[in-house]
Amino acid sequence: MSKYYKPVRIALATLALTGLTACANLAQVQPGTPYADVLTQFGKPNFECPQAGGGRRVIWTQQPMGQYAWGTNVGTDGRVGQVVPLLTDAHFRVLETGDWGPDRVRCEFGPPARIEEAGLGEKREVIWSYRYKENGVWNSLMYVYMSRDGSKLTHFHPGPDPMYDDEKFMWR
């Protein structure tokens, strides 16, 4: 075992805990809070997209390596809606209804941890993977499958995150 192993793990754990503490407080922001106040307290979101009617969707995400993201809508009045955790089993269920293209998925959950292609011929699909804690416990990826041309959601399901596989984890 490397002499750097323990200090690196401690530094990473401290950094993760600091990020989680800040974001846990983000979920306690009351709807109607001025967006400027949220920015002052939590910093600029790392993803946003415009919404119909002039508002915008803002997301604080830890992707590609983290497992958490929070999002809210900012109205034209400059006030936020409810801040919600996005990378949860319950929230991923919004994908079950309606038509979902890549822009809509990205605006709902933020950018994925990775985008890949899998399958052969007619079965080839684009797969977006979001790191998250399945059932609040398991290190998982939510696999969001897009059609062959990447234009619409076909299905989604969770699976284990290979980043946490002991045989492949880089700190072992």
N, C-alpha and C. Protein backbone atom coordinates (compact mmCIF):
# COMPACT_ATOMS: atom_id res chain seq x y z
N MET A 1 0.85 -1.18 0.00
CA MET A 1 0.00 0.00 0.00
C MET A 1 0.89 1.24 0.00
N SER A 2 0.57 2.20 -0.79
CA SER A 2 1.35 3.42 -0.92
C SER A 2 1.25 4.26 0.34
N LYS A 3 2.32 5.01 0.65
CA LYS A 3 2.30 5.89 1.81
C LYS A 3 1.35 7.06 1.60
N TYR A 4 0.92 7.29 0.33
CA TYR A 4 0.02 8.39 0.01
C TYR A 4 -1.45 7.97 0.11
N TYR A 5 -1.69 6.69 0.24
CA TYR A 5 -3.05 6.15 0.21
C TYR A 5 -3.94 6.78 1.29
N LYS A 6 -3.52 6.74 2.54
CA LYS A 6 -4.36 7.24 3.64
C LYS A 6 -4.57 8.76 3.56
N PRO A 7 -3.53 9.58 3.36
CA PRO A 7 -3.77 11.02 3.26
C PRO A 7 -4.68 11.40 2.09
N VAL A 8 -4.55 10.71 0.98
CA VAL A 8 -5.40 11.00 -0.18
C VAL A 8 -6.85 10.67 0.15
N ARG A 9 -7.08 9.51 0.76
CA ARG A 9 -8.44 9.12 1.15
C ARG A 9 -9.04 10.12 2.12
N ILE A 10 -8.26 10.56 3.10
CA ILE A 10 -8.75 11.53 4.08
C ILE A 10 -9.10 12.84 3.38
N ALA A 11 -8.25 13.30 2.48
CA ALA A 11 -8.52 14.55 1.75
C ALA A 11 -9.78 14.42 0.90
N LEU A 12 -9.93 13.31 0.20
CA LEU A 12 -11.13 13.10 -0.63
C LEU A 12 -12.39 13.02 0.23
N ALA A 13 -12.32 12.34 1.34
CA ALA A 13 -13.48 12.23 2.24
C ALA A 13 -13.87 13.59 2.79
N THR A 14 -12.89 14.40 3.18
CA THR A 14 -13.16 15.74 3.69
C THR A 14 -13.81 16.61 2.62
N LEU A 15 -13.28 16.55 1.42
CA LEU A 15 -13.83 17.32 0.31
C LEU A 15 -15.26 16.89 0.01
N ALA A 16 -15.51 15.60 -0.02
CA ALA A 16 -16.86 15.10 -0.28
C ALA A 16 -17.82 15.52 0.81
N LEU A 17 -17.40 15.43 2.07
CA LEU A 17 -18.26 15.82 3.19
C LEU A 17 -18.59 17.31 3.14
N THR A 18 -17.61 18.12 2.80
CA THR A 18 -17.84 19.55 2.68
C THR A 18 -18.87 19.84 1.59
N GLY A 19 -18.72 19.18 0.44
CA GLY A 19 -19.66 19.37 -0.66
C GLY A 19 -21.05 18.91 -0.30
N LEU A 20 -21.16 17.78 0.38
CA LEU A 20 -22.47 17.26 0.78
C LEU A 20 -23.14 18.16 1.80
N THR A 21 -22.37 18.71 2.73
CA THR A 21 -22.93 19.58 3.75
C THR A 21 -23.53 20.83 3.09
N ALA A 22 -22.79 21.43 2.17
CA ALA A 22 -23.29 22.62 1.49
C ALA A 22 -24.54 22.30 0.69
N CYS A 23 -24.53 21.18 -0.01
CA CYS A 23 -25.67 20.83 -0.84
C CYS A 23 -26.87 20.37 -0.02
N ALA A 24 -26.62 19.74 1.12
CA ALA A 24 -27.74 19.34 1.98
C ALA A 24 -28.49 20.59 2.43
N ASN A 25 -27.75 21.66 2.72
CA ASN A 25 -28.39 22.92 3.11
C ASN A 25 -29.11 23.55 1.92
N LEU A 26 -28.65 23.31 0.72
CA LEU A 26 -29.30 23.82 -0.49
C LEU A 26 -30.73 23.32 -0.58
N ALA A 27 -30.96 22.07 -0.20
CA ALA A 27 -32.31 21.50 -0.24
C ALA A 27 -33.25 22.17 0.76
N GLN A 28 -32.71 22.94 1.69
CA GLN A 28 -33.54 23.61 2.68
C GLN A 28 -33.91 25.03 2.27
N VAL A 29 -33.49 25.46 1.09
CA VAL A 29 -33.87 26.78 0.58
C VAL A 29 -35.38 26.82 0.39
N GLN A 30 -36.00 27.83 0.89
CA GLN A 30 -37.45 27.96 0.80
C GLN A 30 -37.88 28.47 -0.58
N PRO A 31 -38.95 27.89 -1.15
CA PRO A 31 -39.48 28.43 -2.41
C PRO A 31 -39.81 29.91 -2.23
N GLY A 32 -39.51 30.68 -3.26
CA GLY A 32 -39.74 32.12 -3.20
C GLY A 32 -38.53 32.92 -2.77
N THR A 33 -37.46 32.23 -2.38
CA THR A 33 -36.23 32.93 -2.01
C THR A 33 -35.64 33.61 -3.25
N PRO A 34 -35.18 34.85 -3.10
CA PRO A 34 -34.54 35.50 -4.25
C PRO A 34 -33.33 34.69 -4.73
N TYR A 35 -33.24 34.51 -6.03
CA TYR A 35 -32.15 33.75 -6.63
C TYR A 35 -30.80 34.35 -6.25
N ALA A 36 -30.72 35.67 -6.16
CA ALA A 36 -29.46 36.33 -5.78
C ALA A 36 -29.01 35.87 -4.40
N ASP A 37 -29.94 35.65 -3.47
CA ASP A 37 -29.59 35.16 -2.13
C ASP A 37 -29.05 33.73 -2.20
N VAL A 38 -29.65 32.91 -3.04
CA VAL A 38 -29.19 31.53 -3.19
C VAL A 38 -27.78 31.51 -3.78
N LEU A 39 -27.54 32.37 -4.78
CA LEU A 39 -26.20 32.46 -5.38
C LEU A 39 -25.16 32.90 -4.36
N THR A 40 -25.51 33.84 -3.52
CA THR A 40 -24.59 34.33 -2.49
C THR A 40 -24.22 33.21 -1.52
N GLN A 41 -25.21 32.43 -1.14
CA GLN A 41 -24.98 31.40 -0.14
C GLN A 41 -24.32 30.13 -0.71
N PHE A 42 -24.71 29.72 -1.93
CA PHE A 42 -24.27 28.43 -2.44
C PHE A 42 -23.42 28.50 -3.71
N GLY A 43 -23.28 29.67 -4.26
CA GLY A 43 -22.48 29.80 -5.47
C GLY A 43 -23.29 29.55 -6.72
N LYS A 44 -22.64 29.79 -7.83
CA LYS A 44 -23.28 29.66 -9.14
C LYS A 44 -23.54 28.19 -9.46
N PRO A 45 -24.73 27.88 -9.99
CA PRO A 45 -24.97 26.49 -10.42
C PRO A 45 -24.05 26.16 -11.58
N ASN A 46 -23.75 24.87 -11.75
CA ASN A 46 -22.85 24.51 -12.83
C ASN A 46 -23.58 24.07 -14.09
N PHE A 47 -24.91 24.23 -14.11
CA PHE A 47 -25.66 23.97 -15.33
C PHE A 47 -26.96 24.76 -15.27
N GLU A 48 -27.35 25.31 -16.40
CA GLU A 48 -28.66 25.95 -16.49
C GLU A 48 -29.16 25.93 -17.92
N CYS A 49 -30.48 26.01 -18.05
CA CYS A 49 -31.08 26.07 -19.39
C CYS A 49 -32.35 26.91 -19.32
N PRO A 50 -32.68 27.58 -20.42
CA PRO A 50 -33.87 28.43 -20.44
C PRO A 50 -35.15 27.60 -20.44
N GLN A 51 -36.21 28.20 -19.92
CA GLN A 51 -37.53 27.56 -19.93
C GLN A 51 -38.50 28.44 -20.70
N ALA A 52 -39.57 27.81 -21.14
CA ALA A 52 -40.62 28.57 -21.83
C ALA A 52 -41.15 29.63 -20.87
N GLY A 53 -41.45 30.77 -21.37
CA GLY A 53 -41.99 31.84 -20.54
C GLY A 53 -40.94 32.73 -19.91
N GLY A 54 -39.66 32.48 -20.19
CA GLY A 54 -38.61 33.38 -19.72
C GLY A 54 -37.89 32.95 -18.46
N GLY A 55 -38.36 31.92 -17.77
CA GLY A 55 -37.64 31.44 -16.60
C GLY A 55 -36.46 30.60 -17.01
N ARG A 56 -35.82 29.99 -16.02
CA ARG A 56 -34.71 29.09 -16.33
C ARG A 56 -34.60 27.99 -15.26
N ARG A 57 -34.03 26.90 -15.68
CA ARG A 57 -33.78 25.75 -14.80
C ARG A 57 -32.32 25.83 -14.41
N VAL A 58 -32.03 25.74 -13.11
CA VAL A 58 -30.65 25.78 -12.64
C VAL A 58 -30.36 24.51 -11.85
N ILE A 59 -29.14 24.00 -12.03
CA ILE A 59 -28.75 22.73 -11.40
C ILE A 59 -27.34 22.85 -10.83
N TRP A 60 -27.22 22.42 -9.58
CA TRP A 60 -25.93 22.25 -8.94
C TRP A 60 -25.67 20.75 -8.96
N THR A 61 -24.68 20.31 -9.73
CA THR A 61 -24.45 18.88 -9.88
C THR A 61 -23.01 18.52 -9.53
N GLN A 62 -22.85 17.30 -9.04
CA GLN A 62 -21.52 16.78 -8.74
C GLN A 62 -21.05 15.83 -9.84
N GLN A 63 -21.83 15.64 -10.90
CA GLN A 63 -21.40 14.78 -12.01
C GLN A 63 -20.15 15.41 -12.62
N PRO A 64 -19.19 14.68 -13.09
CA PRO A 64 -19.26 13.28 -13.45
C PRO A 64 -18.85 12.30 -12.34
N MET A 65 -18.21 12.77 -11.27
CA MET A 65 -17.72 11.83 -10.27
C MET A 65 -18.63 11.71 -9.05
N GLY A 66 -19.39 12.74 -8.74
CA GLY A 66 -20.26 12.72 -7.57
C GLY A 66 -21.59 12.05 -7.86
N GLN A 67 -22.38 11.87 -6.81
CA GLN A 67 -23.64 11.14 -6.92
C GLN A 67 -24.87 11.98 -6.60
N TYR A 68 -24.70 13.29 -6.53
CA TYR A 68 -25.81 14.15 -6.12
C TYR A 68 -25.95 15.34 -7.04
N ALA A 69 -27.19 15.81 -7.17
CA ALA A 69 -27.48 17.03 -7.91
C ALA A 69 -28.77 17.61 -7.35
N TRP A 70 -28.87 18.93 -7.34
CA TRP A 70 -30.07 19.62 -6.87
C TRP A 70 -30.48 20.61 -7.94
N GLY A 71 -31.76 20.77 -8.12
CA GLY A 71 -32.24 21.68 -9.15
C GLY A 71 -33.45 22.45 -8.71
N THR A 72 -33.65 23.56 -9.36
CA THR A 72 -34.83 24.39 -9.13
C THR A 72 -35.10 25.20 -10.38
N ASN A 73 -36.26 25.79 -10.40
CA ASN A 73 -36.61 26.70 -11.48
C ASN A 73 -36.58 28.12 -10.93
N VAL A 74 -36.08 29.02 -11.75
CA VAL A 74 -36.04 30.43 -11.38
C VAL A 74 -37.04 31.15 -12.27
N GLY A 75 -38.01 31.81 -11.65
CA GLY A 75 -39.03 32.51 -12.40
C GLY A 75 -38.53 33.83 -12.96
N THR A 76 -39.36 34.44 -13.77
CA THR A 76 -38.99 35.74 -14.35
C THR A 76 -38.91 36.82 -13.27
N ASP A 77 -39.49 36.53 -12.10
CA ASP A 77 -39.43 37.47 -10.98
C ASP A 77 -38.13 37.35 -10.19
N GLY A 78 -37.24 36.40 -10.59
CA GLY A 78 -35.96 36.24 -9.93
C GLY A 78 -36.03 35.45 -8.63
N ARG A 79 -37.11 34.70 -8.45
CA ARG A 79 -37.25 33.88 -7.24
C ARG A 79 -37.22 32.40 -7.62
N VAL A 80 -36.72 31.58 -6.69
CA VAL A 80 -36.59 30.16 -6.96
C VAL A 80 -37.84 29.40 -6.54
N GLY A 81 -38.05 28.28 -7.21
CA GLY A 81 -39.08 27.33 -6.79
C GLY A 81 -38.48 26.42 -5.74
N GLN A 82 -39.11 25.28 -5.51
CA GLN A 82 -38.58 24.32 -4.55
C GLN A 82 -37.29 23.70 -5.10
N VAL A 83 -36.26 23.64 -4.27
CA VAL A 83 -35.01 22.99 -4.64
C VAL A 83 -35.16 21.51 -4.31
N VAL A 84 -34.95 20.65 -5.31
CA VAL A 84 -35.16 19.21 -5.11
C VAL A 84 -33.91 18.41 -5.48
N PRO A 85 -33.68 17.30 -4.77
CA PRO A 85 -32.61 16.40 -5.20
C PRO A 85 -33.03 15.72 -6.49
N LEU A 86 -32.16 15.68 -7.46
CA LEU A 86 -32.51 15.18 -8.79
C LEU A 86 -32.12 13.73 -9.05
N LEU A 87 -31.02 13.29 -8.47
CA LEU A 87 -30.51 11.96 -8.78
C LEU A 87 -30.98 10.96 -7.73
N THR A 88 -32.29 10.71 -7.75
CA THR A 88 -32.92 9.77 -6.84
C THR A 88 -33.81 8.84 -7.64
N ASP A 89 -34.09 7.66 -7.08
CA ASP A 89 -34.99 6.73 -7.76
C ASP A 89 -36.34 7.38 -8.03
N ALA A 90 -36.85 8.10 -7.03
CA ALA A 90 -38.16 8.73 -7.17
C ALA A 90 -38.15 9.77 -8.29
N HIS A 91 -37.11 10.58 -8.36
CA HIS A 91 -37.09 11.62 -9.39
C HIS A 91 -36.85 11.04 -10.79
N PHE A 92 -36.07 9.98 -10.90
CA PHE A 92 -35.86 9.38 -12.22
C PHE A 92 -37.17 8.85 -12.80
N ARG A 93 -38.17 8.59 -11.96
CA ARG A 93 -39.46 8.08 -12.46
C ARG A 93 -40.20 9.10 -13.33
N VAL A 94 -39.79 10.38 -13.32
CA VAL A 94 -40.44 11.34 -14.22
C VAL A 94 -40.21 10.94 -15.68
N LEU A 95 -39.17 10.13 -15.92
CA LEU A 95 -38.88 9.69 -17.29
C LEU A 95 -39.92 8.69 -17.82
N GLU A 96 -40.79 8.19 -16.95
CA GLU A 96 -41.78 7.20 -17.36
C GLU A 96 -42.92 7.79 -18.19
N THR A 97 -43.14 9.09 -18.09
CA THR A 97 -44.26 9.70 -18.81
C THR A 97 -43.77 10.82 -19.73
N GLY A 98 -44.41 10.92 -20.87
CA GLY A 98 -44.09 11.97 -21.83
C GLY A 98 -42.95 11.60 -22.75
N ASP A 99 -42.66 12.51 -23.65
CA ASP A 99 -41.57 12.33 -24.60
C ASP A 99 -40.33 13.03 -24.05
N TRP A 100 -39.23 12.32 -24.06
CA TRP A 100 -37.98 12.85 -23.53
C TRP A 100 -36.90 12.79 -24.59
N GLY A 101 -36.42 13.96 -25.00
CA GLY A 101 -35.27 14.05 -25.87
C GLY A 101 -34.06 14.43 -25.04
N PRO A 102 -32.89 14.49 -25.65
CA PRO A 102 -31.68 14.80 -24.89
C PRO A 102 -31.70 16.15 -24.20
N ASP A 103 -32.26 17.18 -24.84
CA ASP A 103 -32.32 18.50 -24.21
C ASP A 103 -33.19 18.47 -22.96
N ARG A 104 -34.32 17.79 -23.05
CA ARG A 104 -35.23 17.73 -21.90
C ARG A 104 -34.60 16.94 -20.75
N VAL A 105 -33.92 15.83 -21.05
CA VAL A 105 -33.25 15.04 -20.01
C VAL A 105 -32.16 15.88 -19.35
N ARG A 106 -31.35 16.55 -20.16
CA ARG A 106 -30.26 17.37 -19.64
C ARG A 106 -30.79 18.51 -18.77
N CYS A 107 -31.90 19.12 -19.18
CA CYS A 107 -32.47 20.22 -18.39
C CYS A 107 -33.14 19.73 -17.11
N GLU A 108 -33.53 18.48 -17.07
CA GLU A 108 -34.16 17.93 -15.86
C GLU A 108 -33.12 17.44 -14.86
N PHE A 109 -32.05 16.78 -15.33
CA PHE A 109 -31.09 16.14 -14.45
C PHE A 109 -29.68 16.73 -14.50
N GLY A 110 -29.42 17.59 -15.47
CA GLY A 110 -28.07 18.09 -15.68
C GLY A 110 -27.32 17.17 -16.61
N PRO A 111 -26.08 17.48 -16.91
CA PRO A 111 -25.29 16.63 -17.81
C PRO A 111 -24.98 15.29 -17.13
N PRO A 112 -24.93 14.22 -17.91
CA PRO A 112 -24.62 12.91 -17.33
C PRO A 112 -23.14 12.76 -17.01
N ALA A 113 -22.83 11.72 -16.23
CA ALA A 113 -21.43 11.42 -15.91
C ALA A 113 -20.68 10.98 -17.16
N ARG A 114 -21.37 10.24 -18.02
CA ARG A 114 -20.74 9.80 -19.26
C ARG A 114 -21.81 9.49 -20.31
N ILE A 115 -21.38 9.56 -21.57
CA ILE A 115 -22.24 9.21 -22.70
C ILE A 115 -21.47 8.20 -23.54
N GLU A 116 -22.12 7.06 -23.82
CA GLU A 116 -21.48 5.99 -24.59
C GLU A 116 -22.48 5.44 -25.59
N GLU A 117 -21.99 4.58 -26.46
CA GLU A 117 -22.84 3.84 -27.38
C GLU A 117 -22.65 2.36 -27.13
N ALA A 118 -23.73 1.60 -27.28
CA ALA A 118 -23.65 0.14 -27.09
C ALA A 118 -24.64 -0.53 -28.03
N GLY A 119 -24.40 -1.80 -28.30
CA GLY A 119 -25.27 -2.58 -29.17
C GLY A 119 -24.72 -2.64 -30.58
N LEU A 120 -25.37 -3.49 -31.37
CA LEU A 120 -24.94 -3.68 -32.76
C LEU A 120 -26.10 -3.41 -33.71
N GLY A 121 -25.77 -2.90 -34.87
CA GLY A 121 -26.76 -2.69 -35.93
C GLY A 121 -27.97 -1.91 -35.47
N GLU A 122 -29.16 -2.48 -35.71
CA GLU A 122 -30.43 -1.84 -35.36
C GLU A 122 -30.59 -1.64 -33.86
N LYS A 123 -29.88 -2.41 -33.07
CA LYS A 123 -29.99 -2.35 -31.61
C LYS A 123 -29.03 -1.35 -30.97
N ARG A 124 -28.23 -0.67 -31.78
CA ARG A 124 -27.26 0.29 -31.24
C ARG A 124 -28.01 1.48 -30.64
N GLU A 125 -27.61 1.86 -29.41
CA GLU A 125 -28.23 2.98 -28.73
C GLU A 125 -27.17 3.85 -28.06
N VAL A 126 -27.55 5.09 -27.78
CA VAL A 126 -26.73 6.02 -27.03
C VAL A 126 -27.17 5.89 -25.57
N ILE A 127 -26.20 5.75 -24.66
CA ILE A 127 -26.53 5.55 -23.25
C ILE A 127 -25.91 6.67 -22.42
N TRP A 128 -26.78 7.37 -21.69
CA TRP A 128 -26.33 8.38 -20.74
C TRP A 128 -26.31 7.73 -19.37
N SER A 129 -25.24 7.91 -18.62
CA SER A 129 -25.12 7.33 -17.29
C SER A 129 -25.00 8.42 -16.25
N TYR A 130 -25.86 8.35 -15.24
CA TYR A 130 -25.84 9.28 -14.11
C TYR A 130 -25.42 8.52 -12.85
N ARG A 131 -24.36 8.97 -12.19
CA ARG A 131 -23.97 8.37 -10.91
C ARG A 131 -24.97 8.83 -9.84
N TYR A 132 -25.37 7.88 -8.99
CA TYR A 132 -26.27 8.22 -7.89
C TYR A 132 -26.28 7.11 -6.85
N LYS A 133 -26.95 7.37 -5.73
CA LYS A 133 -27.10 6.38 -4.67
C LYS A 133 -28.48 5.73 -4.84
N GLU A 134 -28.51 4.53 -5.43
CA GLU A 134 -29.77 3.81 -5.61
C GLU A 134 -30.36 3.49 -4.24
N ASN A 135 -31.64 3.79 -4.07
CA ASN A 135 -32.33 3.61 -2.79
C ASN A 135 -31.62 4.34 -1.66
N GLY A 136 -30.86 5.37 -2.00
CA GLY A 136 -30.13 6.14 -1.00
C GLY A 136 -28.94 5.41 -0.40
N VAL A 137 -28.59 4.23 -0.95
CA VAL A 137 -27.55 3.40 -0.35
C VAL A 137 -26.49 2.94 -1.34
N TRP A 138 -26.91 2.35 -2.45
CA TRP A 138 -25.99 1.64 -3.35
C TRP A 138 -25.33 2.57 -4.36
N ASN A 139 -24.02 2.41 -4.55
CA ASN A 139 -23.29 3.16 -5.57
C ASN A 139 -23.72 2.64 -6.93
N SER A 140 -24.48 3.45 -7.64
CA SER A 140 -25.11 2.98 -8.89
C SER A 140 -24.98 4.00 -10.01
N LEU A 141 -25.34 3.53 -11.19
CA LEU A 141 -25.52 4.39 -12.35
C LEU A 141 -26.96 4.21 -12.82
N MET A 142 -27.60 5.31 -13.18
CA MET A 142 -28.89 5.22 -13.86
C MET A 142 -28.57 5.32 -15.34
N TYR A 143 -28.86 4.24 -16.06
CA TYR A 143 -28.61 4.19 -17.49
C TYR A 143 -29.84 4.69 -18.22
N VAL A 144 -29.68 5.78 -18.97
CA VAL A 144 -30.77 6.38 -19.72
C VAL A 144 -30.46 6.15 -21.20
N TYR A 145 -31.26 5.30 -21.83
CA TYR A 145 -31.01 4.90 -23.22
C TYR A 145 -31.74 5.83 -24.17
N MET A 146 -31.01 6.29 -25.16
CA MET A 146 -31.56 7.12 -26.22
C MET A 146 -31.57 6.28 -27.50
N SER A 147 -32.45 6.63 -28.40
CA SER A 147 -32.55 5.92 -29.67
C SER A 147 -31.21 5.93 -30.40
N ARG A 148 -31.14 5.15 -31.44
CA ARG A 148 -29.90 4.98 -32.21
C ARG A 148 -29.29 6.31 -32.63
N ASP A 149 -30.15 7.26 -33.00
CA ASP A 149 -29.64 8.57 -33.41
C ASP A 149 -29.52 9.54 -32.24
N GLY A 150 -29.84 9.07 -31.03
CA GLY A 150 -29.69 9.90 -29.84
C GLY A 150 -30.79 10.93 -29.65
N SER A 151 -31.90 10.80 -30.37
CA SER A 151 -32.92 11.86 -30.36
C SER A 151 -34.04 11.69 -29.34
N LYS A 152 -34.25 10.45 -28.81
CA LYS A 152 -35.34 10.29 -27.85
C LYS A 152 -35.08 9.13 -26.90
N LEU A 153 -35.62 9.25 -25.71
CA LEU A 153 -35.49 8.23 -24.67
C LEU A 153 -36.23 6.97 -25.09
N THR A 154 -35.59 5.83 -24.92
CA THR A 154 -36.26 4.56 -25.19
C THR A 154 -36.56 3.80 -23.90
N HIS A 155 -35.64 3.79 -22.96
CA HIS A 155 -35.87 3.18 -21.66
C HIS A 155 -34.75 3.57 -20.71
N PHE A 156 -34.90 3.20 -19.44
CA PHE A 156 -33.87 3.50 -18.44
C PHE A 156 -33.92 2.45 -17.34
N HIS A 157 -32.80 2.26 -16.68
CA HIS A 157 -32.73 1.33 -15.54
C HIS A 157 -31.45 1.57 -14.75
N PRO A 158 -31.46 1.22 -13.46
CA PRO A 158 -30.25 1.35 -12.65
C PRO A 158 -29.35 0.13 -12.78
N GLY A 159 -28.10 0.30 -12.42
CA GLY A 159 -27.14 -0.79 -12.38
C GLY A 159 -25.97 -0.39 -11.51
N PRO A 160 -25.15 -1.35 -11.10
CA PRO A 160 -23.99 -1.03 -10.25
C PRO A 160 -23.01 -0.11 -10.96
N ASP A 161 -22.38 0.75 -10.19
CA ASP A 161 -21.37 1.65 -10.75
C ASP A 161 -20.02 0.95 -10.71
N PRO A 162 -19.45 0.62 -11.87
CA PRO A 162 -18.17 -0.10 -11.89
C PRO A 162 -17.02 0.69 -11.28
N MET A 163 -17.19 1.99 -11.11
CA MET A 163 -16.13 2.79 -10.48
C MET A 163 -15.86 2.30 -9.05
N TYR A 164 -16.87 1.71 -8.44
CA TYR A 164 -16.73 1.25 -7.06
C TYR A 164 -16.44 -0.23 -6.95
N ASP A 165 -16.18 -0.88 -8.06
CA ASP A 165 -15.81 -2.29 -8.05
C ASP A 165 -14.42 -2.40 -7.44
N ASP A 166 -14.30 -3.15 -6.36
CA ASP A 166 -13.02 -3.25 -5.64
C ASP A 166 -11.85 -3.62 -6.52
N GLU A 167 -12.07 -4.49 -7.50
CA GLU A 167 -10.97 -4.92 -8.35
C GLU A 167 -10.51 -3.85 -9.32
N LYS A 168 -11.37 -2.88 -9.59
CA LYS A 168 -11.02 -1.84 -10.56
C LYS A 168 -10.80 -0.49 -9.91
N PHE A 169 -11.18 -0.34 -8.63
CA PHE A 169 -11.10 0.97 -7.99
C PHE A 169 -9.63 1.41 -7.91
N MET A 170 -9.39 2.64 -8.31
CA MET A 170 -8.03 3.11 -8.48
C MET A 170 -7.23 3.25 -7.19
N TRP A 171 -7.87 3.30 -6.04
CA TRP A 171 -7.14 3.52 -4.77
C TRP A 171 -6.74 2.22 -4.10
N ARG A 172 -7.07 1.14 -4.69
CA ARG A 172 -6.74 -0.15 -4.07
C ARG A 172 -5.31 -0.51 -4.26
